[in-house]
């Protein structure tokens, strides 16, 4: 039986994940640029989300959106760095 070390196996798995992700990204890019089937799916999902609209969910989504701002991400990273630092101690 072929023996492969854990590190080599992890590297092979990582390589395959990168290749699969790149392939999926390229396929999705191609469909978006050619405006094929993805537009229909996108429109159906958008219409479904519009049916869920309410003032409360609008506020929730605004908070979620603000978490992607530079200052929010920076704050989250600083907190995470402290947590990881103290967990390692």
C-alpha atoms as a PDB file:
ATOM      1  CA  UNK A   1       0.000   0.000   0.000  1.00  0.00           C
ATOM      2  CA  UNK A   2       1.199   3.505  -0.828  1.00  0.00           C
ATOM      3  CA  UNK A   3       2.175   5.530   2.222  1.00  0.00           C
ATOM      4  CA  UNK A   4       1.777   9.279   2.073  1.00  0.00           C
ATOM      5  CA  UNK A   5       2.711  11.533   4.972  1.00  0.00           C
ATOM      6  CA  UNK A   6       0.098  13.743   6.616  1.00  0.00           C
ATOM      7  CA  UNK A   7       1.773  16.924   5.398  1.00  0.00           C
ATOM      8  CA  UNK A   8       1.918  15.708   1.819  1.00  0.00           C
ATOM      9  CA  UNK A   9      -1.714  14.584   1.990  1.00  0.00           C
ATOM     10  CA  UNK A  10      -2.767  17.993   3.340  1.00  0.00           C
ATOM     11  CA  UNK A  11      -0.855  19.735   0.549  1.00  0.00           C
ATOM     12  CA  UNK A  12      -2.500  17.550  -2.098  1.00  0.00           C
ATOM     13  CA  UNK A  13      -5.937  18.212  -0.604  1.00  0.00           C
ATOM     14  CA  UNK A  14      -5.263  21.960  -0.458  1.00  0.00           C
ATOM     15  CA  UNK A  15      -4.109  21.924  -4.083  1.00  0.00           C
ATOM     16  CA  UNK A  16      -7.282  20.098  -5.172  1.00  0.00           C
ATOM     17  CA  UNK A  17      -9.466  22.565  -3.246  1.00  0.00           C
ATOM     18  CA  UNK A  18      -7.690  25.509  -4.896  1.00  0.00           C
ATOM     19  CA  UNK A  19      -8.124  23.961  -8.355  1.00  0.00           C
ATOM     20  CA  UNK A  20     -11.815  23.214  -7.724  1.00  0.00           C
ATOM     21  CA  UNK A  21     -12.451  26.715  -6.367  1.00  0.00           C
ATOM     22  CA  UNK A  22     -10.697  28.319  -9.318  1.00  0.00           C
ATOM     23  CA  UNK A  23     -12.656  26.192 -11.738  1.00  0.00           C
ATOM     24  CA  UNK A  24     -15.957  27.078 -10.058  1.00  0.00           C
ATOM     25  CA  UNK A  25     -15.025  30.778 -10.099  1.00  0.00           C
ATOM     26  CA  UNK A  26     -14.156  30.673 -13.798  1.00  0.00           C
ATOM     27  CA  UNK A  27     -17.393  28.855 -14.658  1.00  0.00           C
ATOM     28  CA  UNK A  28     -19.455  31.345 -12.666  1.00  0.00           C
ATOM     29  CA  UNK A  29     -17.607  34.274 -14.283  1.00  0.00           C
ATOM     30  CA  UNK A  30     -18.285  32.851 -17.713  1.00  0.00           C
ATOM     31  CA  UNK A  31     -22.004  32.494 -16.993  1.00  0.00           C
ATOM     32  CA  UNK A  32     -22.259  36.005 -15.588  1.00  0.00           C
ATOM     33  CA  UNK A  33     -20.447  37.535 -18.552  1.00  0.00           C
ATOM     34  CA  UNK A  34     -22.592  35.636 -21.039  1.00  0.00           C
ATOM     35  CA  UNK A  35     -25.756  36.391 -18.998  1.00  0.00           C
ATOM     36  CA  UNK A  36     -27.004  32.846 -19.296  1.00  0.00           C
ATOM     37  CA  UNK A  37     -28.831  30.766 -16.708  1.00  0.00           C
ATOM     38  CA  UNK A  38     -27.372  32.478 -13.655  1.00  0.00           C
ATOM     39  CA  UNK A  39     -29.476  35.586 -14.307  1.00  0.00           C
ATOM     40  CA  UNK A  40     -32.692  33.587 -13.962  1.00  0.00           C
ATOM     41  CA  UNK A  41     -31.561  32.000 -10.726  1.00  0.00           C
ATOM     42  CA  UNK A  42     -30.345  35.356  -9.405  1.00  0.00           C
ATOM     43  CA  UNK A  43     -33.666  37.014 -10.207  1.00  0.00           C
ATOM     44  CA  UNK A  44     -35.641  34.198  -8.568  1.00  0.00           C
ATOM     45  CA  UNK A  45     -33.583  34.457  -5.375  1.00  0.00           C
ATOM     46  CA  UNK A  46     -33.896  38.263  -5.349  1.00  0.00           C
ATOM     47  CA  UNK A  47     -37.679  38.034  -5.751  1.00  0.00           C
ATOM     48  CA  UNK A  48     -37.902  35.533  -2.886  1.00  0.00           C
ATOM     49  CA  UNK A  49     -35.813  37.782  -0.642  1.00  0.00           C
ATOM     50  CA  UNK A  50     -38.037  40.761  -1.494  1.00  0.00           C
ATOM     51  CA  UNK A  51     -41.041  38.823  -0.151  1.00  0.00           C
ATOM     52  CA  UNK A  52     -39.292  38.585   3.233  1.00  0.00           C
ATOM     53  CA  UNK A  53     -38.801  42.340   3.603  1.00  0.00           C
ATOM     54  CA  UNK A  54     -39.833  44.012   6.844  1.00  0.00           C
ATOM     55  CA  UNK A  55     -38.570  47.029   8.788  1.00  0.00           C
ATOM     56  CA  UNK A  56     -36.948  44.755  11.386  1.00  0.00           C
ATOM     57  CA  UNK A  57     -35.115  42.624   8.794  1.00  0.00           C
ATOM     58  CA  UNK A  58     -34.021  45.784   6.979  1.00  0.00           C
ATOM     59  CA  UNK A  59     -32.359  46.966  10.203  1.00  0.00           C
ATOM     60  CA  UNK A  60     -30.747  43.553  10.733  1.00  0.00           C
ATOM     61  CA  UNK A  61     -29.357  43.577   7.208  1.00  0.00           C
ATOM     62  CA  UNK A  62     -27.989  47.118   7.678  1.00  0.00           C
ATOM     63  CA  UNK A  63     -26.079  45.914  10.758  1.00  0.00           C
ATOM     64  CA  UNK A  64     -24.751  42.882   8.859  1.00  0.00           C
ATOM     65  CA  UNK A  65     -23.719  45.147   5.978  1.00  0.00           C
ATOM     66  CA  UNK A  66     -21.918  47.524   8.328  1.00  0.00           C
ATOM     67  CA  UNK A  67     -19.857  44.591   9.645  1.00  0.00           C
ATOM     68  CA  UNK A  68     -18.090  44.618   6.287  1.00  0.00           C
ATOM     69  CA  UNK A  69     -16.819  48.180   6.724  1.00  0.00           C
ATOM     70  CA  UNK A  70     -13.111  48.809   7.186  1.00  0.00           C
ATOM     71  CA  UNK A  71     -13.451  49.856  10.816  1.00  0.00           C
ATOM     72  CA  UNK A  72     -15.663  46.913  11.768  1.00  0.00           C
ATOM     73  CA  UNK A  73     -13.319  44.383  10.147  1.00  0.00           C
ATOM     74  CA  UNK A  74     -10.310  46.048  11.775  1.00  0.00           C
ATOM     75  CA  UNK A  75     -12.011  45.928  15.174  1.00  0.00           C
ATOM     76  CA  UNK A  76     -12.942  42.275  14.763  1.00  0.00           C
ATOM     77  CA  UNK A  77      -9.365  41.437  13.742  1.00  0.00           C
ATOM     78  CA  UNK A  78      -7.909  43.224  16.782  1.00  0.00           C
ATOM     79  CA  UNK A  79     -10.274  41.416  19.144  1.00  0.00           C
ATOM     80  CA  UNK A  80      -9.513  38.083  17.460  1.00  0.00           C
ATOM     81  CA  UNK A  81      -5.771  38.725  17.702  1.00  0.00           C
ATOM     82  CA  UNK A  82      -6.054  39.358  21.456  1.00  0.00           C
ATOM     83  CA  UNK A  83      -8.208  36.271  21.970  1.00  0.00           C
ATOM     84  CA  UNK A  84      -5.789  34.067  20.026  1.00  0.00           C
ATOM     85  CA  UNK A  85      -2.803  35.586  21.829  1.00  0.00           C
ATOM     86  CA  UNK A  86      -4.257  34.878  25.271  1.00  0.00           C
ATOM     87  CA  UNK A  87      -5.472  31.400  24.282  1.00  0.00           C
ATOM     88  CA  UNK A  88      -1.962  30.488  23.188  1.00  0.00           C
ATOM     89  CA  UNK A  89      -0.465  31.593  26.507  1.00  0.00           C
END
